[in-house]
Amino acid sequence: MWKRTGFEEEAVQLINSDFRDLSLAANRLAHHAIKLGGIGFGASFFGLFAAIAAIYLLILDRTNWKTNILTALLIPYIFFSLPSLIFDVFRGELGKWIAAVAVVLRLFLPRHFPDWLELPGALILLIVVAPSLIASTFRDNIVGVVVCLIIACYLLQEHIRASGGFRNSFTKAHGISNSIGIILLLVYPIWALVVILF
């Protein structure tokens, strides 16, 4: 009878030990999932934030706040930084219809196709017709992040040079909004590089 009690106590201790190990493993799993999910959410959020900043700069280019920077570079930047959910919507049937309407209007009614629709139309066409190597592999890879970083650095350098120096780019009324927009373009690639490399 004494042997049986010792066996029960040993079994209880083993089961308690197993439950502690399971609890510790579940706790670590939850901690790592939250950590990695937060990093992934940060990259998606900053990608959306950067795409909105690029669209903001495209809109500013069509107003009297125009600068001498090459805004056509914002199209590949938006292509590489747009979050996957929005990108997939435009890559699907909706994007195909928008691209078809844009091409038909541009080909057959060029006088009725406004100039301000050139770059957004080019973006939709790029999203729809890009090969899957570029649209899937390079977008979700360090290649797309490096392209975004190069574009953002080039646009910042050109804006500072066109403004007449670093100080003028932040003190002139027209320069402040463009400077802030271009600096916001740097946030996504820097964050994504940190996430990818570390």
N, C-alpha and C. Protein backbone atom coordinates (compact mmCIF):
# COMPACT_ATOMS: atom_id res chain seq x y z
N MET A 1 0.82 -1.19 0.00
CA MET A 1 0.00 0.00 0.00
C MET A 1 0.86 1.25 0.00
N TRP A 2 2.03 1.20 0.70
CA TRP A 2 2.92 2.37 0.70
C TRP A 2 3.51 2.60 -0.68
N LYS A 3 3.77 1.54 -1.41
CA LYS A 3 4.33 1.69 -2.75
C LYS A 3 3.34 2.38 -3.68
N ARG A 4 2.07 2.05 -3.52
CA ARG A 4 1.05 2.63 -4.39
C ARG A 4 0.92 4.12 -4.13
N THR A 5 0.97 4.60 -2.92
CA THR A 5 0.87 6.02 -2.59
C THR A 5 2.06 6.77 -3.15
N GLY A 6 3.25 6.20 -3.04
CA GLY A 6 4.45 6.83 -3.60
C GLY A 6 4.34 6.97 -5.11
N PHE A 7 3.76 5.96 -5.75
CA PHE A 7 3.57 5.99 -7.19
C PHE A 7 2.61 7.10 -7.58
N GLU A 8 1.52 7.26 -6.81
CA GLU A 8 0.54 8.31 -7.10
C GLU A 8 1.15 9.69 -6.94
N GLU A 9 1.95 9.87 -5.89
CA GLU A 9 2.60 11.17 -5.68
C GLU A 9 3.58 11.47 -6.81
N GLU A 10 4.29 10.44 -7.23
CA GLU A 10 5.25 10.62 -8.33
C GLU A 10 4.52 10.95 -9.63
N ALA A 11 3.40 10.30 -9.87
CA ALA A 11 2.61 10.56 -11.06
C ALA A 11 2.05 11.98 -11.04
N VAL A 12 1.58 12.43 -9.89
CA VAL A 12 1.06 13.79 -9.75
C VAL A 12 2.17 14.80 -10.01
N GLN A 13 3.36 14.53 -9.48
CA GLN A 13 4.48 15.45 -9.69
C GLN A 13 4.87 15.50 -11.18
N LEU A 14 4.87 14.35 -11.85
CA LEU A 14 5.19 14.33 -13.28
C LEU A 14 4.16 15.10 -14.10
N ILE A 15 2.89 14.90 -13.77
CA ILE A 15 1.83 15.61 -14.49
C ILE A 15 1.92 17.11 -14.24
N ASN A 16 2.16 17.51 -12.98
CA ASN A 16 2.33 18.93 -12.67
C ASN A 16 3.53 19.52 -13.41
N SER A 17 4.60 18.76 -13.48
CA SER A 17 5.79 19.21 -14.21
C SER A 17 5.48 19.38 -15.70
N ASP A 18 4.73 18.44 -16.26
CA ASP A 18 4.35 18.55 -17.67
C ASP A 18 3.46 19.77 -17.91
N PHE A 19 2.51 20.01 -17.00
CA PHE A 19 1.64 21.19 -17.15
C PHE A 19 2.44 22.49 -17.05
N ARG A 20 3.43 22.52 -16.16
CA ARG A 20 4.29 23.71 -16.06
C ARG A 20 5.07 23.92 -17.36
N ASP A 21 5.59 22.82 -17.91
CA ASP A 21 6.33 22.92 -19.18
C ASP A 21 5.41 23.39 -20.32
N LEU A 22 4.19 22.85 -20.36
CA LEU A 22 3.23 23.29 -21.38
C LEU A 22 2.86 24.76 -21.20
N SER A 23 2.68 25.17 -19.96
CA SER A 23 2.36 26.57 -19.68
C SER A 23 3.49 27.48 -20.11
N LEU A 24 4.71 27.09 -19.81
CA LEU A 24 5.88 27.88 -20.21
C LEU A 24 6.01 27.94 -21.73
N ALA A 25 5.78 26.81 -22.41
CA ALA A 25 5.86 26.79 -23.87
C ALA A 25 4.77 27.65 -24.49
N ALA A 26 3.54 27.58 -23.95
CA ALA A 26 2.45 28.41 -24.46
C ALA A 26 2.74 29.89 -24.24
N ASN A 27 3.31 30.21 -23.08
CA ASN A 27 3.66 31.60 -22.78
C ASN A 27 4.71 32.11 -23.76
N ARG A 28 5.73 31.30 -24.03
CA ARG A 28 6.77 31.70 -24.99
C ARG A 28 6.19 31.84 -26.40
N LEU A 29 5.32 30.90 -26.78
CA LEU A 29 4.68 30.97 -28.09
C LEU A 29 3.88 32.25 -28.24
N ALA A 30 3.09 32.59 -27.23
CA ALA A 30 2.29 33.81 -27.28
C ALA A 30 3.19 35.05 -27.34
N HIS A 31 4.25 35.05 -26.55
CA HIS A 31 5.18 36.19 -26.55
C HIS A 31 5.83 36.37 -27.92
N HIS A 32 6.30 35.27 -28.51
CA HIS A 32 6.95 35.36 -29.82
C HIS A 32 5.95 35.73 -30.91
N ALA A 33 4.73 35.20 -30.84
CA ALA A 33 3.72 35.54 -31.84
C ALA A 33 3.36 37.02 -31.78
N ILE A 34 3.22 37.55 -30.57
CA ILE A 34 2.91 38.97 -30.42
C ILE A 34 4.07 39.82 -30.93
N LYS A 35 5.27 39.41 -30.61
CA LYS A 35 6.45 40.17 -31.04
C LYS A 35 6.57 40.17 -32.57
N LEU A 36 6.48 39.00 -33.18
CA LEU A 36 6.60 38.92 -34.64
C LEU A 36 5.40 39.53 -35.33
N GLY A 37 4.21 39.37 -34.76
CA GLY A 37 3.02 40.00 -35.33
C GLY A 37 3.12 41.51 -35.28
N GLY A 38 3.65 42.03 -34.19
CA GLY A 38 3.83 43.47 -34.08
C GLY A 38 4.82 44.00 -35.09
N ILE A 39 5.89 43.26 -35.33
CA ILE A 39 6.88 43.68 -36.32
C ILE A 39 6.26 43.64 -37.72
N GLY A 40 5.52 42.58 -38.02
CA GLY A 40 4.86 42.49 -39.32
C GLY A 40 3.80 43.56 -39.50
N PHE A 41 3.05 43.83 -38.44
CA PHE A 41 2.05 44.90 -38.51
C PHE A 41 2.73 46.24 -38.73
N GLY A 42 3.86 46.45 -38.06
CA GLY A 42 4.59 47.70 -38.23
C GLY A 42 5.04 47.90 -39.66
N ALA A 43 5.55 46.83 -40.29
CA ALA A 43 5.99 46.93 -41.67
C ALA A 43 4.81 47.23 -42.59
N SER A 44 3.67 46.57 -42.37
CA SER A 44 2.49 46.83 -43.20
C SER A 44 1.96 48.24 -42.98
N PHE A 45 1.93 48.66 -41.73
CA PHE A 45 1.44 50.00 -41.41
C PHE A 45 2.33 51.07 -42.03
N PHE A 46 3.64 50.91 -41.88
CA PHE A 46 4.55 51.89 -42.45
C PHE A 46 4.53 51.86 -43.97
N GLY A 47 4.28 50.68 -44.56
CA GLY A 47 4.13 50.60 -46.02
C GLY A 47 2.92 51.39 -46.49
N LEU A 48 1.80 51.24 -45.78
CA LEU A 48 0.61 52.01 -46.11
C LEU A 48 0.85 53.50 -45.90
N PHE A 49 1.50 53.83 -44.82
CA PHE A 49 1.83 55.21 -44.49
C PHE A 49 2.70 55.83 -45.58
N ALA A 50 3.70 55.09 -46.05
CA ALA A 50 4.59 55.58 -47.10
C ALA A 50 3.86 55.71 -48.43
N ALA A 51 2.97 54.76 -48.75
CA ALA A 51 2.20 54.86 -49.99
C ALA A 51 1.30 56.08 -49.96
N ILE A 52 0.69 56.37 -48.81
CA ILE A 52 -0.15 57.57 -48.68
C ILE A 52 0.70 58.82 -48.82
N ALA A 53 1.91 58.82 -48.25
CA ALA A 53 2.81 59.98 -48.40
C ALA A 53 3.20 60.17 -49.86
N ALA A 54 3.43 59.08 -50.60
CA ALA A 54 3.77 59.18 -52.02
C ALA A 54 2.59 59.71 -52.83
N ILE A 55 1.39 59.26 -52.50
CA ILE A 55 0.19 59.78 -53.18
C ILE A 55 0.01 61.25 -52.86
N TYR A 56 0.28 61.63 -51.62
CA TYR A 56 0.23 63.04 -51.21
C TYR A 56 1.20 63.88 -52.04
N LEU A 57 2.41 63.37 -52.26
CA LEU A 57 3.38 64.09 -53.08
C LEU A 57 2.94 64.17 -54.54
N LEU A 58 2.29 63.12 -55.03
CA LEU A 58 1.75 63.18 -56.40
C LEU A 58 0.67 64.25 -56.52
N ILE A 59 -0.17 64.35 -55.49
CA ILE A 59 -1.22 65.37 -55.50
C ILE A 59 -0.61 66.76 -55.40
N LEU A 60 0.39 66.92 -54.54
CA LEU A 60 1.07 68.22 -54.42
C LEU A 60 1.72 68.63 -55.73
N ASP A 61 2.19 67.66 -56.50
CA ASP A 61 2.84 67.98 -57.76
C ASP A 61 1.86 68.58 -58.76
N ARG A 62 0.59 68.28 -58.62
CA ARG A 62 -0.43 68.81 -59.54
C ARG A 62 -1.01 70.14 -59.06
N THR A 63 -0.57 70.64 -57.93
CA THR A 63 -1.04 71.93 -57.42
C THR A 63 0.03 72.98 -57.67
N ASN A 64 -0.17 74.17 -57.16
CA ASN A 64 0.83 75.21 -57.33
C ASN A 64 1.97 75.08 -56.31
N TRP A 65 2.01 73.98 -55.57
CA TRP A 65 3.12 73.69 -54.65
C TRP A 65 4.15 72.80 -55.34
N LYS A 66 4.14 72.84 -56.65
CA LYS A 66 4.98 71.96 -57.46
C LYS A 66 6.46 72.21 -57.22
N THR A 67 7.23 71.13 -57.25
CA THR A 67 8.69 71.24 -57.13
C THR A 67 9.32 70.66 -58.39
N ASN A 68 10.62 70.71 -58.45
CA ASN A 68 11.34 70.21 -59.61
C ASN A 68 11.79 68.76 -59.45
N ILE A 69 11.23 68.04 -58.50
CA ILE A 69 11.65 66.65 -58.31
C ILE A 69 10.95 65.76 -59.34
N LEU A 70 11.55 64.63 -59.61
CA LEU A 70 11.03 63.68 -60.58
C LEU A 70 9.95 62.82 -59.91
N THR A 71 8.70 63.28 -60.01
CA THR A 71 7.62 62.57 -59.31
C THR A 71 7.24 61.26 -59.97
N ALA A 72 7.69 61.00 -61.18
CA ALA A 72 7.41 59.71 -61.81
C ALA A 72 8.05 58.57 -61.03
N LEU A 73 9.08 58.86 -60.25
CA LEU A 73 9.71 57.82 -59.42
C LEU A 73 8.80 57.37 -58.29
N LEU A 74 7.77 58.15 -58.00
CA LEU A 74 6.84 57.75 -56.94
C LEU A 74 5.99 56.55 -57.36
N ILE A 75 5.84 56.33 -58.65
CA ILE A 75 5.03 55.20 -59.13
C ILE A 75 5.68 53.86 -58.74
N PRO A 76 6.97 53.62 -59.05
CA PRO A 76 7.55 52.36 -58.56
C PRO A 76 7.64 52.30 -57.04
N TYR A 77 7.77 53.46 -56.39
CA TYR A 77 7.80 53.47 -54.93
C TYR A 77 6.45 52.97 -54.38
N ILE A 78 5.36 53.50 -54.91
CA ILE A 78 4.04 53.05 -54.47
C ILE A 78 3.86 51.57 -54.79
N PHE A 79 4.32 51.16 -55.96
CA PHE A 79 4.22 49.76 -56.37
C PHE A 79 4.88 48.84 -55.33
N PHE A 80 6.07 49.20 -54.87
CA PHE A 80 6.80 48.34 -53.93
C PHE A 80 6.35 48.51 -52.48
N SER A 81 5.74 49.64 -52.13
CA SER A 81 5.40 49.87 -50.72
C SER A 81 3.93 49.64 -50.40
N LEU A 82 3.09 49.49 -51.39
CA LEU A 82 1.67 49.30 -51.15
C LEU A 82 1.44 48.00 -50.39
N PRO A 83 0.63 48.02 -49.32
CA PRO A 83 0.37 46.78 -48.58
C PRO A 83 -0.27 45.71 -49.47
N SER A 84 -0.03 44.47 -49.15
CA SER A 84 -0.45 43.35 -49.99
C SER A 84 -1.95 43.31 -50.21
N LEU A 85 -2.74 43.64 -49.20
CA LEU A 85 -4.19 43.59 -49.35
C LEU A 85 -4.66 44.55 -50.44
N ILE A 86 -4.20 45.78 -50.40
CA ILE A 86 -4.59 46.77 -51.41
C ILE A 86 -3.99 46.41 -52.76
N PHE A 87 -2.74 45.95 -52.76
CA PHE A 87 -2.08 45.56 -54.00
C PHE A 87 -2.85 44.43 -54.69
N ASP A 88 -3.29 43.44 -53.93
CA ASP A 88 -4.01 42.31 -54.51
C ASP A 88 -5.37 42.72 -55.06
N VAL A 89 -6.01 43.71 -54.44
CA VAL A 89 -7.29 44.21 -54.97
C VAL A 89 -7.07 44.84 -56.34
N PHE A 90 -6.03 45.67 -56.47
CA PHE A 90 -5.75 46.31 -57.75
C PHE A 90 -5.14 45.35 -58.77
N ARG A 91 -4.56 44.28 -58.33
CA ARG A 91 -4.00 43.29 -59.25
C ARG A 91 -5.10 42.36 -59.78
N GLY A 92 -6.23 42.35 -59.12
CA GLY A 92 -7.32 41.48 -59.53
C GLY A 92 -8.20 42.11 -60.61
N GLU A 93 -9.45 41.72 -60.62
CA GLU A 93 -10.39 42.16 -61.65
C GLU A 93 -10.63 43.67 -61.63
N LEU A 94 -10.68 44.26 -60.45
CA LEU A 94 -10.89 45.71 -60.36
C LEU A 94 -9.79 46.47 -61.08
N GLY A 95 -8.56 46.09 -60.85
CA GLY A 95 -7.44 46.74 -61.51
C GLY A 95 -7.45 46.53 -63.01
N LYS A 96 -7.85 45.34 -63.45
CA LYS A 96 -7.93 45.08 -64.89
C LYS A 96 -8.96 45.97 -65.56
N TRP A 97 -10.10 46.16 -64.90
CA TRP A 97 -11.13 47.03 -65.46
C TRP A 97 -10.67 48.48 -65.50
N ILE A 98 -10.05 48.93 -64.42
CA ILE A 98 -9.56 50.31 -64.38
C ILE A 98 -8.50 50.51 -65.46
N ALA A 99 -7.60 49.55 -65.62
CA ALA A 99 -6.55 49.66 -66.63
C ALA A 99 -7.15 49.65 -68.04
N ALA A 100 -8.14 48.80 -68.28
CA ALA A 100 -8.77 48.75 -69.60
C ALA A 100 -9.45 50.07 -69.93
N VAL A 101 -10.18 50.63 -68.98
CA VAL A 101 -10.84 51.92 -69.21
C VAL A 101 -9.81 53.02 -69.45
N ALA A 102 -8.73 53.02 -68.69
CA ALA A 102 -7.69 54.04 -68.86
C ALA A 102 -7.03 53.93 -70.23
N VAL A 103 -6.74 52.71 -70.68
CA VAL A 103 -6.11 52.53 -71.99
C VAL A 103 -7.06 52.94 -73.10
N VAL A 104 -8.33 52.56 -73.01
CA VAL A 104 -9.31 52.94 -74.03
C VAL A 104 -9.47 54.45 -74.09
N LEU A 105 -9.59 55.09 -72.94
CA LEU A 105 -9.71 56.55 -72.92
C LEU A 105 -8.46 57.21 -73.51
N ARG A 106 -7.31 56.71 -73.16
CA ARG A 106 -6.05 57.31 -73.63
C ARG A 106 -5.87 57.10 -75.13
N LEU A 107 -6.28 55.94 -75.65
CA LEU A 107 -6.11 55.67 -77.08
C LEU A 107 -7.13 56.37 -77.96
N PHE A 108 -8.40 56.31 -77.56
CA PHE A 108 -9.45 56.78 -78.45
C PHE A 108 -9.98 58.17 -78.12
N LEU A 109 -9.80 58.61 -76.89
CA LEU A 109 -10.25 59.95 -76.50
C LEU A 109 -9.12 60.69 -75.78
N PRO A 110 -8.00 60.93 -76.47
CA PRO A 110 -6.85 61.52 -75.77
C PRO A 110 -7.10 62.94 -75.28
N ARG A 111 -7.98 63.66 -75.92
CA ARG A 111 -8.27 65.04 -75.47
C ARG A 111 -9.10 65.06 -74.20
N HIS A 112 -9.83 63.99 -73.97
CA HIS A 112 -10.67 63.91 -72.77
C HIS A 112 -9.97 63.20 -71.61
N PHE A 113 -8.74 62.75 -71.86
CA PHE A 113 -7.96 62.08 -70.81
C PHE A 113 -7.09 63.13 -70.14
N PRO A 114 -7.42 63.49 -68.90
CA PRO A 114 -6.67 64.58 -68.25
C PRO A 114 -5.22 64.19 -67.94
N ASP A 115 -4.37 65.21 -67.91
CA ASP A 115 -2.95 64.99 -67.63
C ASP A 115 -2.71 64.41 -66.24
N TRP A 116 -3.54 64.80 -65.29
CA TRP A 116 -3.32 64.35 -63.92
C TRP A 116 -3.61 62.87 -63.74
N LEU A 117 -4.23 62.23 -64.75
CA LEU A 117 -4.48 60.79 -64.67
C LEU A 117 -3.37 59.95 -65.28
N GLU A 118 -2.36 60.59 -65.84
CA GLU A 118 -1.26 59.84 -66.47
C GLU A 118 -0.54 58.94 -65.47
N LEU A 119 -0.08 59.51 -64.37
CA LEU A 119 0.69 58.73 -63.40
C LEU A 119 -0.16 57.69 -62.65
N PRO A 120 -1.37 58.04 -62.18
CA PRO A 120 -2.19 56.98 -61.57
C PRO A 120 -2.54 55.86 -62.55
N GLY A 121 -2.78 56.22 -63.82
CA GLY A 121 -3.03 55.19 -64.83
C GLY A 121 -1.82 54.31 -65.04
N ALA A 122 -0.63 54.92 -65.03
CA ALA A 122 0.60 54.14 -65.17
C ALA A 122 0.79 53.19 -63.98
N LEU A 123 0.43 53.66 -62.79
CA LEU A 123 0.54 52.80 -61.60
C LEU A 123 -0.38 51.59 -61.71
N ILE A 124 -1.63 51.81 -62.10
CA ILE A 124 -2.57 50.70 -62.23
C ILE A 124 -2.08 49.73 -63.30
N LEU A 125 -1.61 50.26 -64.44
CA LEU A 125 -1.08 49.38 -65.48
C LEU A 125 0.12 48.58 -64.99
N LEU A 126 1.00 49.22 -64.25
CA LEU A 126 2.16 48.53 -63.70
C LEU A 126 1.74 47.42 -62.74
N ILE A 127 0.78 47.70 -61.90
CA ILE A 127 0.31 46.68 -60.95
C ILE A 127 -0.32 45.50 -61.68
N VAL A 128 -1.12 45.79 -62.71
CA VAL A 128 -1.85 44.73 -63.40
C VAL A 128 -0.92 43.87 -64.26
N VAL A 129 0.01 44.48 -64.98
CA VAL A 129 0.79 43.71 -65.96
C VAL A 129 2.16 43.26 -65.45
N ALA A 130 2.54 43.62 -64.24
CA ALA A 130 3.86 43.22 -63.73
C ALA A 130 3.95 41.71 -63.61
N PRO A 131 5.05 41.13 -64.06
CA PRO A 131 5.21 39.68 -63.90
C PRO A 131 5.25 39.29 -62.43
N SER A 132 4.91 38.05 -62.16
CA SER A 132 4.83 37.62 -60.77
C SER A 132 6.19 37.65 -60.07
N LEU A 133 7.28 37.56 -60.82
CA LEU A 133 8.60 37.67 -60.20
C LEU A 133 8.76 39.03 -59.53
N ILE A 134 8.31 40.07 -60.21
CA ILE A 134 8.41 41.41 -59.64
C ILE A 134 7.29 41.64 -58.64
N ALA A 135 6.06 41.27 -59.01
CA ALA A 135 4.90 41.57 -58.17
C ALA A 135 4.86 40.77 -56.89
N SER A 136 5.37 39.57 -56.90
CA SER A 136 5.31 38.75 -55.69
C SER A 136 6.66 38.63 -55.00
N THR A 137 7.66 38.24 -55.76
CA THR A 137 8.96 37.96 -55.14
C THR A 137 9.69 39.23 -54.72
N PHE A 138 9.87 40.16 -55.65
CA PHE A 138 10.65 41.36 -55.33
C PHE A 138 9.93 42.29 -54.38
N ARG A 139 8.61 42.36 -54.45
CA ARG A 139 7.86 43.24 -53.55
C ARG A 139 8.01 42.81 -52.10
N ASP A 140 7.99 41.53 -51.86
CA ASP A 140 8.03 41.00 -50.50
C ASP A 140 9.44 40.63 -50.08
N ASN A 141 10.42 41.24 -50.69
CA ASN A 141 11.81 40.86 -50.46
C ASN A 141 12.64 42.11 -50.20
N ILE A 142 13.89 41.91 -49.90
CA ILE A 142 14.79 43.03 -49.64
C ILE A 142 15.00 43.87 -50.90
N VAL A 143 14.79 43.29 -52.08
CA VAL A 143 14.96 44.03 -53.33
C VAL A 143 13.99 45.20 -53.40
N GLY A 144 12.72 44.95 -53.10
CA GLY A 144 11.73 46.02 -53.12
C GLY A 144 12.02 47.09 -52.09
N VAL A 145 12.48 46.68 -50.93
CA VAL A 145 12.81 47.64 -49.87
C VAL A 145 13.99 48.52 -50.28
N VAL A 146 15.00 47.91 -50.89
CA VAL A 146 16.17 48.67 -51.34
C VAL A 146 15.78 49.64 -52.45
N VAL A 147 14.91 49.22 -53.36
CA VAL A 147 14.43 50.12 -54.42
C VAL A 147 13.71 51.32 -53.79
N CYS A 148 12.85 51.06 -52.81
CA CYS A 148 12.15 52.16 -52.12
C CYS A 148 13.13 53.09 -51.42
N LEU A 149 14.13 52.53 -50.78
CA LEU A 149 15.12 53.35 -50.09
C LEU A 149 15.92 54.21 -51.06
N ILE A 150 16.31 53.64 -52.19
CA ILE A 150 17.06 54.41 -53.20
C ILE A 150 16.20 55.53 -53.75
N ILE A 151 14.94 55.25 -54.06
CA ILE A 151 14.04 56.28 -54.58
C ILE A 151 13.84 57.39 -53.56
N ALA A 152 13.60 57.02 -52.31
CA ALA A 152 13.37 58.04 -51.27
C ALA A 152 14.60 58.90 -51.06
N CYS A 153 15.78 58.28 -51.02
CA CYS A 153 17.02 59.06 -50.83
C CYS A 153 17.27 59.98 -52.03
N TYR A 154 17.03 59.47 -53.23
CA TYR A 154 17.23 60.30 -54.42
C TYR A 154 16.26 61.48 -54.43
N LEU A 155 14.99 61.23 -54.11
CA LEU A 155 14.01 62.33 -54.10
C LEU A 155 14.34 63.36 -53.03
N LEU A 156 14.80 62.91 -51.87
CA LEU A 156 15.19 63.84 -50.81
C LEU A 156 16.39 64.68 -51.25
N GLN A 157 17.38 64.05 -51.85
CA GLN A 157 18.56 64.77 -52.32
C GLN A 157 18.19 65.77 -53.41
N GLU A 158 17.34 65.38 -54.35
CA GLU A 158 16.92 66.29 -55.42
C GLU A 158 16.09 67.44 -54.88
N HIS A 159 15.25 67.16 -53.90
CA HIS A 159 14.42 68.22 -53.31
C HIS A 159 15.29 69.23 -52.57
N ILE A 160 16.26 68.75 -51.82
CA ILE A 160 17.16 69.65 -51.09
C ILE A 160 17.97 70.49 -52.08
N ARG A 161 18.43 69.87 -53.15
CA ARG A 161 19.21 70.59 -54.16
C ARG A 161 18.34 71.62 -54.88
N ALA A 162 17.09 71.25 -55.22
CA ALA A 162 16.20 72.17 -55.92
C ALA A 162 15.76 73.32 -55.02
N SER A 163 15.71 73.09 -53.71
CA SER A 163 15.30 74.14 -52.77
C SER A 163 16.43 75.12 -52.47
N GLY A 164 17.64 74.78 -52.85
CA GLY A 164 18.76 75.66 -52.57
C GLY A 164 19.47 75.35 -51.27
N GLY A 165 19.34 74.15 -50.80
CA GLY A 165 20.02 73.75 -49.57
C GLY A 165 19.08 73.15 -48.55
N PHE A 166 19.68 72.52 -47.56
CA PHE A 166 18.90 71.83 -46.52
C PHE A 166 18.04 72.81 -45.73
N ARG A 167 18.60 73.95 -45.37
CA ARG A 167 17.86 74.93 -44.58
C ARG A 167 16.66 75.47 -45.36
N ASN A 168 16.86 75.79 -46.62
CA ASN A 168 15.76 76.33 -47.43
C ASN A 168 14.65 75.31 -47.65
N SER A 169 15.00 74.04 -47.69
CA SER A 169 13.96 73.03 -47.91
C SER A 169 13.01 72.92 -46.73
N PHE A 170 13.43 73.40 -45.55
CA PHE A 170 12.56 73.36 -44.38
C PHE A 170 12.05 74.73 -43.96
N THR A 171 12.51 75.80 -44.58
CA THR A 171 12.06 77.13 -44.17
C THR A 171 11.11 77.77 -45.16
N LYS A 172 11.21 77.43 -46.43
CA LYS A 172 10.29 77.99 -47.42
C LYS A 172 8.93 77.33 -47.28
N ALA A 173 7.88 78.11 -47.54
CA ALA A 173 6.52 77.60 -47.36
C ALA A 173 6.25 76.39 -48.26
N HIS A 174 6.68 76.46 -49.51
CA HIS A 174 6.43 75.34 -50.42
C HIS A 174 7.32 74.14 -50.10
N GLY A 175 8.47 74.39 -49.50
CA GLY A 175 9.42 73.32 -49.24
C GLY A 175 9.07 72.45 -48.05
N ILE A 176 8.39 73.01 -47.06
CA ILE A 176 8.12 72.26 -45.83
C ILE A 176 7.23 71.05 -46.10
N SER A 177 6.13 71.26 -46.82
CA SER A 177 5.21 70.14 -47.06
C SER A 177 5.86 69.05 -47.90
N ASN A 178 6.63 69.46 -48.90
CA ASN A 178 7.33 68.46 -49.72
C ASN A 178 8.42 67.76 -48.92
N SER A 179 9.13 68.50 -48.09
CA SER A 179 10.19 67.89 -47.27
C SER A 179 9.61 66.86 -46.31
N ILE A 180 8.51 67.20 -45.67
CA ILE A 180 7.87 66.26 -44.74
C ILE A 180 7.39 65.02 -45.49
N GLY A 181 6.77 65.22 -46.65
CA GLY A 181 6.31 64.08 -47.44
C GLY A 181 7.44 63.17 -47.86
N ILE A 182 8.56 63.75 -48.28
CA ILE A 182 9.70 62.94 -48.72
C ILE A 182 10.36 62.24 -47.54
N ILE A 183 10.44 62.90 -46.41
CA ILE A 183 11.01 62.24 -45.22
C ILE A 183 10.12 61.08 -44.78
N LEU A 184 8.81 61.24 -44.92
CA LEU A 184 7.91 60.12 -44.60
C LEU A 184 8.15 58.94 -45.53
N LEU A 185 8.63 59.21 -46.75
CA LEU A 185 8.95 58.11 -47.66
C LEU A 185 10.12 57.27 -47.14
N LEU A 186 10.97 57.86 -46.33
CA LEU A 186 12.13 57.14 -45.80
C LEU A 186 11.77 56.20 -44.65
N VAL A 187 10.62 56.41 -44.01
CA VAL A 187 10.27 55.63 -42.82
C VAL A 187 10.08 54.15 -43.16
N TYR A 188 9.30 53.86 -44.20
CA TYR A 188 9.02 52.46 -44.54
C TYR A 188 10.27 51.66 -44.90
N PRO A 189 11.11 52.12 -45.83
CA PRO A 189 12.26 51.27 -46.16
C PRO A 189 13.25 51.09 -45.01
N ILE A 190 13.40 52.12 -44.19
CA ILE A 190 14.32 51.97 -43.05
C ILE A 190 13.77 50.94 -42.07
N TRP A 191 12.47 51.04 -41.75
CA TRP A 191 11.85 50.07 -40.83
C TRP A 191 11.91 48.66 -41.42
N ALA A 192 11.59 48.52 -42.70
CA ALA A 192 11.59 47.20 -43.32
C ALA A 192 13.00 46.61 -43.36
N LEU A 193 14.01 47.43 -43.60
CA LEU A 193 15.38 46.93 -43.58
C LEU A 193 15.78 46.45 -42.19
N VAL A 194 15.37 47.19 -41.16
CA VAL A 194 15.67 46.76 -39.79
C VAL A 194 14.99 45.43 -39.50
N VAL A 195 13.74 45.28 -39.93
CA VAL A 195 13.01 44.02 -39.69
C VAL A 195 13.66 42.86 -40.46
N ILE A 196 14.04 43.11 -41.71
CA ILE A 196 14.62 42.03 -42.52
C ILE A 196 16.00 41.63 -42.03
N LEU A 197 16.83 42.62 -41.71
CA LEU A 197 18.21 42.33 -41.35
C LEU A 197 18.38 41.85 -39.92
N PHE A 198 17.50 42.26 -39.02
CA PHE A 198 17.65 41.87 -37.62
C PHE A 198 16.48 41.03 -37.23
